[in-house]
């Protein structure tokens, strides 16, 4: 991966439609998943963090998950170490929606 400040900035802005100056850390992984680069704006300038794994590959986040992927600090740390994060977006249960209003059959007659 030969991307530098300008090309990573351009990808964050155009491909991801995000503001590179937001303070978020943008993660980019090469096709073979052996190296990654992170672009971060610290308030005074851009910082690039880069890593190439000596053996193994970076985890594939579930390709069927079509929403924006946001990693916590702990998940990013695990990803950066080469841990497998595939199940994170498969095993999560659906949110249960509840309402505070009682159903008509449950209401008490006065």
C-alpha atoms as a PDB file:
ATOM      1  CA  UNK A   1       0.000   0.000   0.000  1.00  0.00           C
ATOM      2  CA  UNK A   2       1.689   3.146  -1.224  1.00  0.00           C
ATOM      3  CA  UNK A   3      -1.016   5.603  -0.212  1.00  0.00           C
ATOM      4  CA  UNK A   4       0.226   8.762   1.476  1.00  0.00           C
ATOM      5  CA  UNK A   5      -1.384  11.688   3.286  1.00  0.00           C
ATOM      6  CA  UNK A   6      -3.030  13.199   0.222  1.00  0.00           C
ATOM      7  CA  UNK A   7      -4.433   9.976  -1.221  1.00  0.00           C
ATOM      8  CA  UNK A   8      -5.752   8.750   2.160  1.00  0.00           C
ATOM      9  CA  UNK A   9      -7.289  12.196   2.762  1.00  0.00           C
ATOM     10  CA  UNK A  10      -8.953  12.004  -0.669  1.00  0.00           C
ATOM     11  CA  UNK A  11     -10.319   8.483   0.004  1.00  0.00           C
ATOM     12  CA  UNK A  12     -11.754   9.476   3.398  1.00  0.00           C
ATOM     13  CA  UNK A  13     -13.424  12.520   1.862  1.00  0.00           C
ATOM     14  CA  UNK A  14     -14.739  11.117  -1.438  1.00  0.00           C
ATOM     15  CA  UNK A  15     -15.105   7.345  -1.025  1.00  0.00           C
ATOM     16  CA  UNK A  16     -16.236   7.332   2.609  1.00  0.00           C
ATOM     17  CA  UNK A  17     -17.935  10.766   2.433  1.00  0.00           C
ATOM     18  CA  UNK A  18     -16.461  11.731   5.801  1.00  0.00           C
ATOM     19  CA  UNK A  19     -14.603  14.799   7.032  1.00  0.00           C
ATOM     20  CA  UNK A  20     -10.914  13.887   7.482  1.00  0.00           C
ATOM     21  CA  UNK A  21     -10.572  16.795   9.949  1.00  0.00           C
ATOM     22  CA  UNK A  22     -13.205  15.252  12.270  1.00  0.00           C
ATOM     23  CA  UNK A  23     -10.669  13.592  14.560  1.00  0.00           C
ATOM     24  CA  UNK A  24     -11.809  10.088  13.629  1.00  0.00           C
ATOM     25  CA  UNK A  25      -9.234   7.459  12.781  1.00  0.00           C
ATOM     26  CA  UNK A  26      -9.750   6.176   9.224  1.00  0.00           C
ATOM     27  CA  UNK A  27      -8.537   2.621   8.608  1.00  0.00           C
ATOM     28  CA  UNK A  28      -7.438   1.416   5.162  1.00  0.00           C
ATOM     29  CA  UNK A  29      -6.362  -2.174   4.405  1.00  0.00           C
ATOM     30  CA  UNK A  30      -4.637  -3.456   1.263  1.00  0.00           C
ATOM     31  CA  UNK A  31      -6.182  -6.149  -0.979  1.00  0.00           C
ATOM     32  CA  UNK A  32      -4.091  -8.991   0.432  1.00  0.00           C
ATOM     33  CA  UNK A  33      -4.967  -7.832   3.986  1.00  0.00           C
ATOM     34  CA  UNK A  34      -1.314  -7.953   5.071  1.00  0.00           C
ATOM     35  CA  UNK A  35      -0.871  -4.238   5.722  1.00  0.00           C
ATOM     36  CA  UNK A  36      -2.981  -1.329   6.863  1.00  0.00           C
ATOM     37  CA  UNK A  37      -2.712   2.417   7.281  1.00  0.00           C
ATOM     38  CA  UNK A  38      -4.663   4.732   9.537  1.00  0.00           C
ATOM     39  CA  UNK A  39      -5.189   8.425   8.894  1.00  0.00           C
ATOM     40  CA  UNK A  40      -5.843  10.669  11.889  1.00  0.00           C
ATOM     41  CA  UNK A  41      -6.031  14.450  12.334  1.00  0.00           C
ATOM     42  CA  UNK A  42      -4.709  15.468  15.782  1.00  0.00           C
ATOM     43  CA  UNK A  43      -5.585  19.158  15.571  1.00  0.00           C
ATOM     44  CA  UNK A  44      -2.189  20.278  14.306  1.00  0.00           C
ATOM     45  CA  UNK A  45      -1.727  17.973  11.318  1.00  0.00           C
ATOM     46  CA  UNK A  46      -2.329  14.540   9.899  1.00  0.00           C
ATOM     47  CA  UNK A  47      -0.783  11.402  11.359  1.00  0.00           C
ATOM     48  CA  UNK A  48      -0.367   8.096   9.518  1.00  0.00           C
ATOM     49  CA  UNK A  49      -0.043   4.874  11.472  1.00  0.00           C
ATOM     50  CA  UNK A  50       1.088   1.940   9.361  1.00  0.00           C
ATOM     51  CA  UNK A  51       1.517  -1.769  10.042  1.00  0.00           C
ATOM     52  CA  UNK A  52       2.550  -4.772   7.955  1.00  0.00           C
ATOM     53  CA  UNK A  53       1.945  -8.219   9.427  1.00  0.00           C
ATOM     54  CA  UNK A  54       4.877 -10.602   9.198  1.00  0.00           C
ATOM     55  CA  UNK A  55       2.550 -13.588   9.110  1.00  0.00           C
ATOM     56  CA  UNK A  56      -1.194 -13.990   8.730  1.00  0.00           C
ATOM     57  CA  UNK A  57      -3.706 -11.408   7.561  1.00  0.00           C
ATOM     58  CA  UNK A  58      -5.901  -8.739   9.064  1.00  0.00           C
ATOM     59  CA  UNK A  59      -9.435  -9.847   9.860  1.00  0.00           C
ATOM     60  CA  UNK A  60     -12.199  -9.442   7.300  1.00  0.00           C
ATOM     61  CA  UNK A  61     -15.088  -7.559   8.797  1.00  0.00           C
ATOM     62  CA  UNK A  62     -18.272  -9.330   7.692  1.00  0.00           C
ATOM     63  CA  UNK A  63     -18.607  -8.454   3.968  1.00  0.00           C
ATOM     64  CA  UNK A  64     -22.386  -8.970   4.193  1.00  0.00           C
ATOM     65  CA  UNK A  65     -22.624  -6.114   6.728  1.00  0.00           C
ATOM     66  CA  UNK A  66     -23.499  -3.218   4.428  1.00  0.00           C
ATOM     67  CA  UNK A  67     -23.579  -0.416   6.993  1.00  0.00           C
ATOM     68  CA  UNK A  68     -20.790   1.831   8.239  1.00  0.00           C
ATOM     69  CA  UNK A  69     -18.334  -0.112  10.389  1.00  0.00           C
ATOM     70  CA  UNK A  70     -17.330   1.650  13.601  1.00  0.00           C
ATOM     71  CA  UNK A  71     -14.777  -0.042  15.835  1.00  0.00           C
ATOM     72  CA  UNK A  72     -14.330   0.681  19.516  1.00  0.00           C
ATOM     73  CA  UNK A  73     -10.826   1.404  20.792  1.00  0.00           C
ATOM     74  CA  UNK A  74     -10.589  -2.169  22.087  1.00  0.00           C
ATOM     75  CA  UNK A  75     -11.767  -3.643  18.761  1.00  0.00           C
ATOM     76  CA  UNK A  76      -9.313  -1.482  16.839  1.00  0.00           C
ATOM     77  CA  UNK A  77      -6.516  -2.661  19.142  1.00  0.00           C
ATOM     78  CA  UNK A  78      -7.461  -6.287  18.508  1.00  0.00           C
ATOM     79  CA  UNK A  79      -7.731  -5.683  14.761  1.00  0.00           C
ATOM     80  CA  UNK A  80      -4.324  -3.969  14.705  1.00  0.00           C
ATOM     81  CA  UNK A  81      -2.817  -6.998  16.471  1.00  0.00           C
ATOM     82  CA  UNK A  82      -4.281  -9.304  13.813  1.00  0.00           C
ATOM     83  CA  UNK A  83      -7.163 -10.783  15.859  1.00  0.00           C
ATOM     84  CA  UNK A  84     -10.252 -12.200  14.140  1.00  0.00           C
ATOM     85  CA  UNK A  85     -13.242  -9.829  14.305  1.00  0.00           C
ATOM     86  CA  UNK A  86     -15.495 -11.594  11.765  1.00  0.00           C
ATOM     87  CA  UNK A  87     -18.124 -12.724  14.263  1.00  0.00           C
ATOM     88  CA  UNK A  88     -18.643  -9.239  15.721  1.00  0.00           C
ATOM     89  CA  UNK A  89     -21.225  -8.379  13.079  1.00  0.00           C
ATOM     90  CA  UNK A  90     -22.836 -11.824  12.849  1.00  0.00           C
ATOM     91  CA  UNK A  91     -23.660 -12.757  16.448  1.00  0.00           C
ATOM     92  CA  UNK A  92     -25.101  -9.422  17.560  1.00  0.00           C
ATOM     93  CA  UNK A  93     -28.806  -9.865  18.379  1.00  0.00           C
ATOM     94  CA  UNK A  94     -31.452  -7.628  16.879  1.00  0.00           C
ATOM     95  CA  UNK A  95     -32.601  -4.703  19.001  1.00  0.00           C
ATOM     96  CA  UNK A  96     -35.892  -5.322  20.805  1.00  0.00           C
ATOM     97  CA  UNK A  97     -38.329  -2.441  20.454  1.00  0.00           C
ATOM     98  CA  UNK A  98     -40.675  -1.934  23.391  1.00  0.00           C
ATOM     99  CA  UNK A  99     -43.317   0.621  24.102  1.00  0.00           C
ATOM    100  CA  UNK A 100     -44.510   1.975  27.426  1.00  0.00           C
ATOM    101  CA  UNK A 101     -48.172   2.124  26.415  1.00  0.00           C
ATOM    102  CA  UNK A 102     -50.205  -0.922  27.490  1.00  0.00           C
ATOM    103  CA  UNK A 103     -52.174  -2.894  24.922  1.00  0.00           C
ATOM    104  CA  UNK A 104     -55.956  -2.499  24.885  1.00  0.00           C
ATOM    105  CA  UNK A 105     -56.423  -6.034  26.233  1.00  0.00           C
ATOM    106  CA  UNK A 106     -54.124  -5.278  29.180  1.00  0.00           C
ATOM    107  CA  UNK A 107     -55.798  -2.047  30.296  1.00  0.00           C
ATOM    108  CA  UNK A 108     -57.736  -2.080  33.551  1.00  0.00           C
ATOM    109  CA  UNK A 109     -61.350  -0.969  33.482  1.00  0.00           C
ATOM    110  CA  UNK A 110     -62.143   1.811  35.912  1.00  0.00           C
END
